Amino acid sequence: MKLKEHLIDSFMNLTSDGIVIVDVNGKVLEVNKKFEELHGWTREEVIGKVLPMTPDKYKEDALRLYQSLIDGEQSSDFEALKLRKDGSTFYANVTVSPMKDSDGVVIGFIGVERDISEKKRADEELLERERQFRRLIKLNPEPIALHNAGLIQFVNDACCSLFGGVSSDDFKGKRIYDFFCLSAKDFILERLQYVMQSDSYTDFMEIKLRKLDGTFFDAEISSIYVYKNMGVPVVQTVIRDLTERKKSEEALIRSEKLSLIGQLAAGIAHDIRNPLTSLKGFVKLLKAKNADYVDVMLEELEHINYVVNEFMMLAKPHLNCYMESTSLGLVKSVVGFLQPHAHLYNVQIHIDIDPDIPAIYCNPDQIKQVLINILKNGIESMPNGGIIQIAIRNATNQGVLIRIEDQGIGISGERLSQLGEPFYTTKVNGTGLGLMVCKRIIEGHGGKLLIQSKINEGTTVEIELPKNEKPTQPH
């Protein structure tokens, strides 16, 4: 018997949990040392007494619990706020089990308490940080989505509005891939894998996104793996609507076209005037019934028709239509179009091309606009005449390299570094938008535009375009 009592005493006082034994009336029969430590009472102070271990507002819940144990419940586990001797409180995980006599009648209860105040405080701090984090995201003016394992957990108000939703519930639980083009799924999976292995934001990437109504819009996205302020690790994706920016860029390209048209009008008028003069003269000669001049007249008419057609091609509304094109064909078309302008400046244009140049997948209208802009700049940089050399080469990345070299006045290193910035120009009547538009067009094709120049020696412009394939960004 003494051994049994010794084992019970050892068990009660060596455990890290507080233990209290009470009779059916709530009088304390026994407590262990951890109970004394948790509540601040000594064993001598509590034996035979009914202790206020639960705040008044929870007493009714405690009485119902004890009654359920008397009625047959085996035990009950719960979290509760417990009282100390000094009136302070702490959170505890509590397990209460009934004690029964040999007849199965409940004669008391054993309560086991484990202090979880620190855990509770940490959980509440985490919950508060998550609340603040979600509020910060919710009110952020930029559209933001939180997703985990490909499923959307939360979107903020701006994101909800952007995608045509009423509330975040319209998106919760949906697959993130449903908001991308089907063709972009593998690319997005690869990008998300990269995000989850990185500690920083990914670069913004242009892509097409789908709204709830099924329509697509241009956007750019950047993601980061977030876990410190959330209950579980999630990916945070920031979305920027590019619809208005795309409209502005289209307007800018059209504006630059109109500017080019105005500047080239004089040269085209000059080129049309010459064949018209010939035609007038030959018409007069026809009166003498000399039909030998008819072939010459037809040639001149064809030339007028070509110039007018190219002029109209440049002036027509821009269409973002990609197609397979040859770099030589594009260059020859632009050179033919600019010949009148080159004649005004006494400039000759020579073309040299490597064999087996691959086709390029591009918007020919836009590439022509770039070539016209660069060649026109080269022509106008040689007021005393000269030669522009156009070389078409195979690029190192299996693409095409178009190099345009003039013999003009050149550009200083200081000015060269600022070329391509909005409204910066070296011309008296320039807008400074031409090269900026050219760079945007070439970058939109996945290519590069580089400019090198020396004062009084000339300028070299290199346009590198990828091989015959669609741009890598999903559409």
Protein backbone atom coordinates (compact mmCIF):
# COMPACT_ATOMS: atom_id res chain seq x y z
CA MET A 1 0.00 0.00 0.00
CA LYS A 2 2.82 2.33 0.87
CA LEU A 3 4.46 1.54 -2.48
CA LYS A 4 1.25 2.38 -4.33
CA GLU A 5 0.90 5.68 -2.47
CA HIS A 6 4.56 6.46 -3.17
CA LEU A 7 4.08 5.82 -6.90
CA ILE A 8 0.99 8.01 -7.01
CA ASP A 9 2.79 10.78 -5.15
CA SER A 10 5.78 10.52 -7.49
CA PHE A 11 3.56 10.62 -10.56
CA MET A 12 1.65 13.68 -9.36
CA ASN A 13 4.72 15.71 -8.42
CA LEU A 14 7.05 14.76 -11.28
CA THR A 15 4.63 15.62 -14.06
CA SER A 16 4.85 19.01 -15.79
CA ASP A 17 1.06 19.43 -15.60
CA GLY A 18 -0.93 20.78 -12.69
CA ILE A 19 -3.21 18.17 -11.07
CA VAL A 20 -6.12 18.77 -8.72
CA ILE A 21 -8.48 16.15 -7.23
CA VAL A 22 -11.89 17.32 -5.94
CA ASP A 23 -14.99 15.60 -4.58
CA VAL A 24 -18.43 15.93 -6.17
CA ASN A 25 -19.01 19.12 -4.17
CA GLY A 26 -15.85 20.73 -5.52
CA LYS A 27 -13.79 20.47 -2.30
CA VAL A 28 -10.11 19.93 -2.95
CA LEU A 29 -8.82 16.50 -1.92
CA GLU A 30 -5.29 16.75 -3.33
CA VAL A 31 -3.07 18.96 -5.53
CA ASN A 32 0.45 18.53 -6.85
CA LYS A 33 3.39 20.95 -6.81
CA LYS A 34 2.78 22.15 -10.38
CA PHE A 35 -0.77 23.09 -9.41
CA GLU A 36 0.63 25.17 -6.53
CA GLU A 37 3.05 26.83 -8.98
CA LEU A 38 0.34 27.56 -11.54
CA HIS A 39 -2.26 28.99 -9.13
CA GLY A 40 -0.11 30.44 -6.37
CA TRP A 41 -1.83 28.53 -3.52
CA THR A 42 -0.02 26.08 -1.25
CA ARG A 43 -1.39 22.61 -0.61
CA GLU A 44 -2.20 23.52 2.98
CA GLU A 45 -4.26 26.50 1.80
CA VAL A 46 -6.51 24.53 -0.53
CA ILE A 47 -7.13 21.10 1.00
CA GLY A 48 -10.83 20.79 2.01
CA LYS A 49 -11.81 24.05 0.34
CA VAL A 50 -13.77 24.94 -2.77
CA LEU A 51 -11.39 27.08 -4.82
CA PRO A 52 -12.38 29.88 -7.21
CA MET A 53 -10.31 28.40 -10.04
CA THR A 54 -12.63 29.67 -12.79
CA PRO A 55 -13.73 33.29 -13.44
CA ASP A 56 -17.36 33.95 -12.49
CA LYS A 57 -18.59 34.29 -16.08
CA TYR A 58 -17.43 30.70 -16.83
CA LYS A 59 -18.82 29.02 -13.68
CA GLU A 60 -22.07 27.91 -15.30
CA ASP A 61 -20.10 26.22 -18.08
CA ALA A 62 -18.00 24.42 -15.44
CA LEU A 63 -21.10 23.18 -13.59
CA ARG A 64 -22.59 21.82 -16.83
CA LEU A 65 -19.31 20.05 -17.51
CA TYR A 66 -19.25 18.34 -14.11
CA GLN A 67 -22.89 17.31 -14.52
CA SER A 68 -22.15 15.72 -17.91
CA LEU A 69 -19.32 13.71 -16.30
CA ILE A 70 -21.65 12.57 -13.52
CA ASP A 71 -24.20 11.56 -16.18
CA GLY A 72 -21.72 9.25 -17.87
CA GLU A 73 -19.20 11.19 -19.92
CA GLN A 74 -15.73 9.62 -19.64
CA SER A 75 -13.63 12.80 -19.82
CA SER A 76 -13.57 16.25 -21.36
CA ASP A 77 -10.74 18.25 -22.99
CA PHE A 78 -11.00 21.99 -23.45
CA GLU A 79 -9.17 25.30 -23.23
CA ALA A 80 -10.11 27.57 -20.33
CA LEU A 81 -9.18 30.76 -18.57
CA LYS A 82 -8.00 29.89 -15.01
CA LEU A 83 -7.67 32.07 -11.88
CA ARG A 84 -4.60 32.50 -9.70
CA LYS A 85 -4.56 33.35 -6.01
CA ASP A 86 -3.63 36.99 -6.79
CA GLY A 87 -6.60 37.37 -9.14
CA SER A 88 -4.60 37.18 -12.37
CA THR A 89 -5.50 34.67 -15.06
CA PHE A 90 -3.78 32.26 -17.43
CA TYR A 91 -4.88 30.04 -20.28
CA ALA A 92 -4.76 26.30 -19.73
CA ASN A 93 -5.50 23.18 -21.67
CA VAL A 94 -7.67 21.19 -19.23
CA THR A 95 -8.66 17.54 -19.07
CA VAL A 96 -11.31 16.56 -16.49
CA SER A 97 -12.09 12.90 -15.75
CA PRO A 98 -14.55 11.41 -13.20
CA MET A 99 -13.46 9.21 -10.26
CA LYS A 100 -15.84 6.32 -9.50
CA ASP A 101 -16.24 3.90 -6.63
CA SER A 102 -16.58 0.15 -7.01
CA ASP A 103 -20.28 0.56 -7.82
CA GLY A 104 -19.55 3.00 -10.68
CA VAL A 105 -20.83 6.01 -8.79
CA VAL A 106 -18.94 9.27 -9.43
CA ILE A 107 -17.31 10.38 -6.16
CA GLY A 108 -15.02 13.10 -7.50
CA PHE A 109 -13.03 14.52 -10.39
CA ILE A 110 -9.41 14.70 -11.49
CA GLY A 111 -8.38 17.86 -13.33
CA VAL A 112 -5.14 18.08 -15.30
CA GLU A 113 -4.03 21.57 -16.38
CA ARG A 114 -1.29 22.59 -18.79
CA ASP A 115 -0.34 26.27 -19.06
CA ILE A 116 -0.71 27.40 -22.70
CA SER A 117 -0.56 31.14 -22.05
CA GLU A 118 2.56 31.62 -24.17
CA LYS A 119 1.14 29.57 -27.00
CA LYS A 120 -2.15 31.43 -26.75
CA ARG A 121 -0.35 34.77 -26.78
CA ALA A 122 1.74 33.69 -29.79
CA ASP A 123 -1.39 32.48 -31.60
CA GLU A 124 -3.18 35.76 -30.89
CA GLU A 125 -0.17 37.79 -32.05
CA LEU A 126 0.00 35.71 -35.22
CA LEU A 127 -3.74 36.14 -35.73
CA GLU A 128 -3.43 39.90 -35.20
CA ARG A 129 -0.48 40.13 -37.60
CA GLU A 130 -2.47 38.15 -40.14
CA ARG A 131 -5.44 40.47 -39.63
CA GLN A 132 -3.23 43.52 -40.11
CA PHE A 133 -1.54 41.92 -43.09
CA ARG A 134 -4.86 41.07 -44.71
CA ARG A 135 -6.18 44.57 -43.99
CA LEU A 136 -3.04 46.07 -45.52
CA ILE A 137 -3.50 43.90 -48.60
CA LYS A 138 -7.27 44.47 -48.72
CA LEU A 139 -6.88 48.26 -48.82
CA ASN A 140 -3.84 48.26 -51.12
CA PRO A 141 -4.64 50.17 -54.33
CA GLU A 142 -2.78 47.55 -56.41
CA PRO A 143 -4.62 44.29 -57.19
CA ILE A 144 -3.18 41.47 -55.03
CA ALA A 145 -4.02 37.75 -54.85
CA LEU A 146 -2.85 35.23 -52.24
CA HIS A 147 -2.74 31.60 -53.31
CA ASN A 148 -1.43 28.33 -51.94
CA ALA A 149 -0.82 25.10 -53.89
CA GLY A 150 -2.48 26.68 -56.91
CA LEU A 151 -5.68 27.59 -55.03
CA ILE A 152 -6.70 31.19 -54.32
CA GLN A 153 -6.97 32.01 -50.62
CA PHE A 154 -7.74 35.74 -50.78
CA VAL A 155 -7.96 38.66 -53.19
CA ASN A 156 -8.11 42.31 -52.19
CA ASP A 157 -10.76 44.82 -53.24
CA ALA A 158 -8.71 46.17 -56.16
CA CYS A 159 -8.14 42.64 -57.52
CA CYS A 160 -11.80 41.75 -57.07
CA SER A 161 -12.84 44.84 -59.03
CA LEU A 162 -10.23 44.24 -61.75
CA PHE A 163 -11.48 40.70 -62.45
CA GLY A 164 -15.16 41.63 -62.27
CA GLY A 165 -16.01 40.04 -58.91
CA VAL A 166 -18.29 41.23 -56.12
CA SER A 167 -16.26 39.98 -53.14
CA SER A 168 -13.24 37.86 -52.31
CA ASP A 169 -15.58 34.87 -51.93
CA ASP A 170 -16.05 34.86 -55.72
CA PHE A 171 -12.42 33.76 -56.03
CA LYS A 172 -11.66 31.77 -52.88
CA GLY A 173 -10.85 28.14 -53.65
CA LYS A 174 -10.64 28.68 -57.42
CA ARG A 175 -7.55 27.51 -59.30
CA ILE A 176 -5.09 30.26 -60.10
CA TYR A 177 -4.48 28.67 -63.51
CA ASP A 178 -8.10 29.31 -64.52
CA PHE A 179 -7.24 33.01 -64.84
CA PHE A 180 -4.45 32.45 -67.39
CA CYS A 181 -4.47 31.27 -71.01
CA LEU A 182 -4.40 27.48 -71.25
CA SER A 183 -1.21 27.71 -73.31
CA ALA A 184 0.52 29.52 -70.43
CA LYS A 185 -0.11 26.83 -67.76
CA ASP A 186 3.30 25.12 -68.02
CA PHE A 187 5.03 28.48 -68.02
CA ILE A 188 3.11 29.61 -64.90
CA LEU A 189 3.88 26.32 -63.09
CA GLU A 190 7.57 26.79 -63.80
CA ARG A 191 7.43 30.39 -62.60
CA LEU A 192 5.64 29.45 -59.36
CA GLN A 193 8.26 26.78 -58.65
CA TYR A 194 10.93 29.44 -59.02
CA VAL A 195 9.00 31.85 -56.75
CA MET A 196 8.77 29.30 -53.93
CA GLN A 197 12.55 28.86 -53.98
CA SER A 198 13.27 32.60 -53.93
CA ASP A 199 13.16 35.19 -51.14
CA SER A 200 12.53 38.19 -53.37
CA TYR A 201 9.94 39.48 -55.83
CA THR A 202 10.13 38.18 -59.38
CA ASP A 203 10.43 40.72 -62.18
CA PHE A 204 7.14 41.98 -63.59
CA MET A 205 6.12 39.93 -66.62
CA GLU A 206 3.55 40.87 -69.25
CA ILE A 207 0.82 38.30 -69.78
CA LYS A 208 -2.84 37.92 -70.75
CA LEU A 209 -5.27 37.32 -67.85
CA ARG A 210 -8.89 36.19 -67.91
CA LYS A 211 -11.70 37.93 -66.02
CA LEU A 212 -14.66 36.12 -64.44
CA ASP A 213 -16.77 36.90 -67.53
CA GLY A 214 -14.22 35.14 -69.77
CA THR A 215 -12.74 38.24 -71.41
CA PHE A 216 -8.96 38.69 -71.51
CA PHE A 217 -6.91 41.79 -70.75
CA ASP A 218 -3.24 42.79 -70.84
CA ALA A 219 -1.51 42.75 -67.46
CA GLU A 220 1.86 42.34 -65.79
CA ILE A 221 2.43 40.24 -62.67
CA SER A 222 5.07 39.82 -59.99
CA SER A 223 5.05 37.24 -57.17
CA ILE A 224 6.78 36.54 -53.86
CA TYR A 225 6.60 33.63 -51.40
CA VAL A 226 5.09 34.92 -48.14
CA TYR A 227 5.01 32.97 -44.88
CA LYS A 228 6.12 35.12 -41.93
CA ASN A 229 2.88 37.06 -41.51
CA MET A 230 0.47 34.33 -42.55
CA GLY A 231 -0.78 31.20 -40.85
CA VAL A 232 0.45 29.06 -43.77
CA PRO A 233 2.93 29.71 -46.58
CA VAL A 234 1.29 31.46 -49.54
CA VAL A 235 2.34 33.10 -52.79
CA GLN A 236 1.46 36.79 -53.07
CA THR A 237 0.95 37.98 -56.64
CA VAL A 238 0.70 41.67 -57.55
CA ILE A 239 -1.23 42.40 -60.75
CA ARG A 240 -1.11 45.58 -62.82
CA ASP A 241 -3.70 46.30 -65.49
CA LEU A 242 -1.93 47.38 -68.69
CA THR A 243 -5.07 48.13 -70.69
CA GLU A 244 -4.72 51.91 -70.50
CA ARG A 245 -0.95 51.78 -70.95
CA LYS A 246 -1.38 49.62 -74.05
CA LYS A 247 -3.89 52.12 -75.40
CA SER A 248 -1.43 54.95 -74.73
CA GLU A 249 1.36 53.03 -76.47
CA GLU A 250 -0.88 52.39 -79.47
CA ALA A 251 -1.78 56.08 -79.57
CA LEU A 252 1.90 56.98 -79.30
CA ILE A 253 2.79 54.69 -82.20
CA ARG A 254 0.00 56.20 -84.31
CA SER A 255 1.14 59.69 -83.35
CA GLU A 256 4.71 58.90 -84.36
CA LYS A 257 3.43 57.54 -87.67
CA LEU A 258 1.58 60.77 -88.34
CA SER A 259 4.74 62.69 -87.50
CA LEU A 260 6.73 60.56 -89.96
CA ILE A 261 4.07 61.02 -92.62
CA GLY A 262 4.17 64.78 -92.24
CA GLN A 263 7.96 64.90 -92.40
CA LEU A 264 8.11 62.61 -95.44
CA ALA A 265 5.31 64.35 -97.34
CA ALA A 266 7.70 66.81 -99.01
CA GLY A 267 9.95 64.04 -100.30
CA ILE A 268 7.04 61.99 -101.57
CA ALA A 269 5.50 65.02 -103.27
CA HIS A 270 8.85 65.66 -104.94
CA ASP A 271 9.07 62.04 -106.11
CA ILE A 272 5.54 62.10 -107.48
CA ARG A 273 6.07 65.46 -109.20
CA ASN A 274 8.94 64.16 -111.36
CA PRO A 275 7.00 61.30 -113.05
CA LEU A 276 4.00 63.57 -113.39
CA THR A 277 6.16 66.05 -115.31
CA SER A 278 7.26 63.23 -117.60
CA LEU A 279 3.69 62.08 -118.06
CA LYS A 280 2.54 65.60 -118.97
CA GLY A 281 5.29 65.90 -121.55
CA PHE A 282 4.61 62.52 -123.08
CA VAL A 283 0.88 63.19 -123.20
CA LYS A 284 1.62 66.24 -125.28
CA LEU A 285 3.81 64.15 -127.56
CA LEU A 286 1.02 61.59 -127.87
CA LYS A 287 -0.94 64.24 -129.58
CA ALA A 288 1.51 63.76 -132.40
CA LYS A 289 0.58 60.00 -132.19
CA ASN A 290 4.01 58.84 -131.08
CA ALA A 291 3.03 55.70 -129.14
CA ASP A 292 6.67 54.79 -128.22
CA TYR A 293 6.31 56.84 -125.05
CA VAL A 294 3.43 54.76 -123.64
CA ASP A 295 5.76 52.17 -121.97
CA VAL A 296 7.69 54.92 -120.21
CA MET A 297 4.44 56.47 -119.02
CA LEU A 298 3.25 53.13 -117.62
CA GLU A 299 6.52 52.68 -115.72
CA GLU A 300 6.18 56.13 -114.20
CA LEU A 301 2.57 55.42 -113.25
CA GLU A 302 3.61 52.17 -111.57
CA HIS A 303 6.23 54.09 -109.58
CA ILE A 304 3.62 56.64 -108.45
CA ASN A 305 1.30 53.79 -107.46
CA TYR A 306 4.07 52.11 -105.42
CA VAL A 307 4.95 55.31 -103.53
CA VAL A 308 1.29 56.05 -102.77
CA ASN A 309 0.66 52.46 -101.60
CA GLU A 310 3.64 52.54 -99.23
CA PHE A 311 2.48 55.91 -97.95
CA MET A 312 -0.98 54.50 -97.25
CA MET A 313 0.47 51.38 -95.62
CA LEU A 314 2.32 53.60 -93.17
CA ALA A 315 -0.74 55.75 -92.54
CA LYS A 316 -3.29 52.96 -91.99
CA PRO A 317 -4.40 52.13 -88.39
CA HIS A 318 -1.96 49.90 -86.49
CA LEU A 319 -2.92 46.25 -86.11
CA ASN A 320 -1.08 44.02 -83.66
CA CYS A 321 -0.82 41.21 -86.20
CA TYR A 322 2.26 38.98 -86.22
CA MET A 323 3.23 37.08 -89.35
CA GLU A 324 6.22 35.45 -90.97
CA SER A 325 8.32 38.01 -92.85
CA THR A 326 11.75 38.22 -94.47
CA SER A 327 14.13 40.89 -93.22
CA LEU A 328 15.32 41.60 -96.78
CA GLY A 329 11.75 42.15 -97.94
CA LEU A 330 11.07 44.60 -95.12
CA VAL A 331 14.32 46.49 -95.70
CA LYS A 332 13.81 46.74 -99.48
CA SER A 333 10.25 47.97 -99.00
CA VAL A 334 11.39 50.74 -96.64
CA VAL A 335 14.39 51.70 -98.81
CA GLY A 336 12.14 52.04 -101.86
CA PHE A 337 9.74 54.15 -99.85
CA LEU A 338 12.52 56.44 -98.58
CA GLN A 339 14.33 56.90 -101.89
CA PRO A 340 12.63 60.27 -102.55
CA HIS A 341 13.72 61.52 -99.14
CA ALA A 342 17.25 60.20 -99.74
CA HIS A 343 17.42 61.97 -103.11
CA LEU A 344 16.69 65.31 -101.45
CA TYR A 345 19.81 64.85 -99.29
CA ASN A 346 21.94 63.25 -102.05
CA VAL A 347 22.20 60.02 -99.98
CA GLN A 348 22.73 56.56 -101.44
CA ILE A 349 21.54 53.40 -99.63
CA HIS A 350 23.40 50.10 -100.11
CA ILE A 351 22.17 46.69 -98.88
CA ASP A 352 24.39 43.69 -98.06
CA ILE A 353 22.89 40.40 -96.88
CA ASP A 354 24.29 37.07 -95.63
CA PRO A 355 23.07 33.86 -97.30
CA ASP A 356 20.42 31.73 -95.54
CA ILE A 357 19.00 34.50 -93.41
CA PRO A 358 16.06 33.01 -91.41
CA ALA A 359 12.57 34.44 -91.55
CA ILE A 360 11.32 36.42 -88.57
CA TYR A 361 7.92 36.31 -86.88
CA CYS A 362 6.92 39.95 -86.46
CA ASN A 363 4.42 42.73 -87.03
CA PRO A 364 5.77 43.97 -90.39
CA ASP A 365 4.00 47.31 -90.05
CA GLN A 366 5.81 48.02 -86.78
CA ILE A 367 9.23 46.82 -88.01
CA LYS A 368 8.86 49.03 -91.09
CA GLN A 369 8.08 51.97 -88.82
CA VAL A 370 11.31 51.32 -86.89
CA LEU A 371 13.39 51.04 -90.07
CA ILE A 372 11.84 54.20 -91.53
CA ASN A 373 12.56 56.14 -88.36
CA ILE A 374 16.21 55.01 -88.16
CA LEU A 375 16.93 55.42 -91.89
CA LYS A 376 15.27 58.85 -91.92
CA ASN A 377 17.45 59.93 -88.99
CA GLY A 378 20.53 58.65 -90.85
CA ILE A 379 19.60 60.45 -94.06
CA GLU A 380 18.97 63.74 -92.27
CA SER A 381 22.30 63.47 -90.39
CA MET A 382 24.13 63.82 -93.76
CA PRO A 383 23.15 67.27 -95.14
CA ASN A 384 26.04 67.11 -97.64
CA GLY A 385 25.16 63.62 -98.86
CA GLY A 386 26.83 60.28 -98.30
CA ILE A 387 26.19 56.54 -98.07
CA ILE A 388 24.05 54.50 -95.69
CA GLN A 389 25.17 50.87 -95.48
CA ILE A 390 22.55 48.31 -94.41
CA ALA A 391 23.91 44.88 -93.50
CA ILE A 392 21.60 41.91 -92.75
CA ARG A 393 23.45 39.20 -90.82
CA ASN A 394 22.79 35.96 -88.96
CA ALA A 395 22.77 36.74 -85.23
CA THR A 396 24.53 34.60 -82.61
CA ASN A 397 21.19 33.52 -81.11
CA GLN A 398 19.98 32.14 -84.48
CA GLY A 399 18.05 35.34 -85.05
CA VAL A 400 18.60 38.24 -87.46
CA LEU A 401 20.86 41.27 -87.00
CA ILE A 402 20.13 44.39 -89.08
CA ARG A 403 23.00 46.91 -88.91
CA ILE A 404 22.45 50.43 -90.30
CA GLU A 405 25.57 52.62 -90.62
CA ASP A 406 25.53 56.24 -91.78
CA GLN A 407 28.30 58.79 -92.43
CA GLY A 408 26.56 61.60 -90.61
CA ILE A 409 27.63 64.14 -88.01
CA GLY A 410 27.38 61.61 -85.17
CA ILE A 411 26.20 61.99 -81.58
CA SER A 412 28.26 62.80 -78.48
CA GLY A 413 28.59 60.22 -75.70
CA GLU A 414 26.58 62.41 -73.30
CA ARG A 415 23.67 62.75 -75.71
CA LEU A 416 23.92 59.12 -76.78
CA SER A 417 23.17 57.94 -73.23
CA GLN A 418 19.91 59.93 -73.24
CA LEU A 419 18.59 58.74 -76.60
CA GLY A 420 15.33 56.85 -76.28
CA GLU A 421 14.14 58.88 -73.30
CA PRO A 422 10.76 60.57 -73.80
CA PHE A 423 10.97 64.08 -75.31
CA TYR A 424 14.76 64.04 -75.59
CA THR A 425 15.84 64.88 -79.13
CA THR A 426 18.88 66.20 -81.00
CA LYS A 427 16.67 67.71 -83.73
CA VAL A 428 15.34 71.26 -83.75
CA ASN A 429 11.80 70.18 -84.64
CA GLY A 430 11.89 66.67 -83.13
CA THR A 431 9.55 65.30 -80.48
CA GLY A 432 11.98 62.88 -78.85
CA LEU A 433 9.39 60.10 -79.11
CA GLY A 434 10.64 58.34 -82.26
CA LEU A 435 13.48 56.30 -80.76
CA MET A 436 11.47 55.60 -77.61
CA VAL A 437 8.70 54.09 -79.77
CA CYS A 438 11.31 52.14 -81.77
CA LYS A 439 12.78 50.63 -78.60
CA ARG A 440 9.33 49.66 -77.31
CA ILE A 441 8.50 47.98 -80.63
CA ILE A 442 11.75 45.99 -80.81
CA GLU A 443 11.57 44.98 -77.12
CA GLY A 444 7.94 43.93 -77.71
CA HIS A 445 9.27 41.55 -80.38
CA GLY A 446 11.76 40.09 -77.89
CA GLY A 447 14.66 41.86 -79.60
CA LYS A 448 17.30 44.50 -78.81
CA LEU A 449 18.14 47.91 -80.25
CA LEU A 450 21.67 49.27 -79.75
CA ILE A 451 23.11 52.61 -80.91
CA GLN A 452 26.80 53.51 -81.27
CA SER A 453 28.10 56.83 -82.57
CA LYS A 454 31.18 59.02 -82.94
CA ILE A 455 31.23 62.74 -83.66
CA ASN A 456 31.90 63.47 -87.36
CA GLU A 457 32.25 59.74 -88.13
CA GLY A 458 28.67 58.53 -88.14
CA THR A 459 26.19 56.41 -86.25
CA THR A 460 25.57 52.67 -86.22
CA VAL A 461 22.23 51.21 -85.18
CA GLU A 462 21.92 47.46 -84.58
CA ILE A 463 18.51 45.77 -84.48
CA GLU A 464 18.55 42.18 -83.24
CA LEU A 465 15.37 40.15 -83.72
CA PRO A 466 14.70 36.55 -82.63
CA LYS A 467 14.37 33.69 -85.10
CA ASN A 468 11.13 32.64 -86.74
CA GLU A 469 8.93 31.94 -83.71
CA LYS A 470 6.20 33.63 -81.71
CA PRO A 471 7.20 35.87 -78.79
CA THR A 472 7.86 33.89 -75.57
CA GLN A 473 5.27 35.74 -73.49
CA PRO A 474 1.84 34.04 -73.51
CA HIS A 475 -0.97 35.76 -75.41
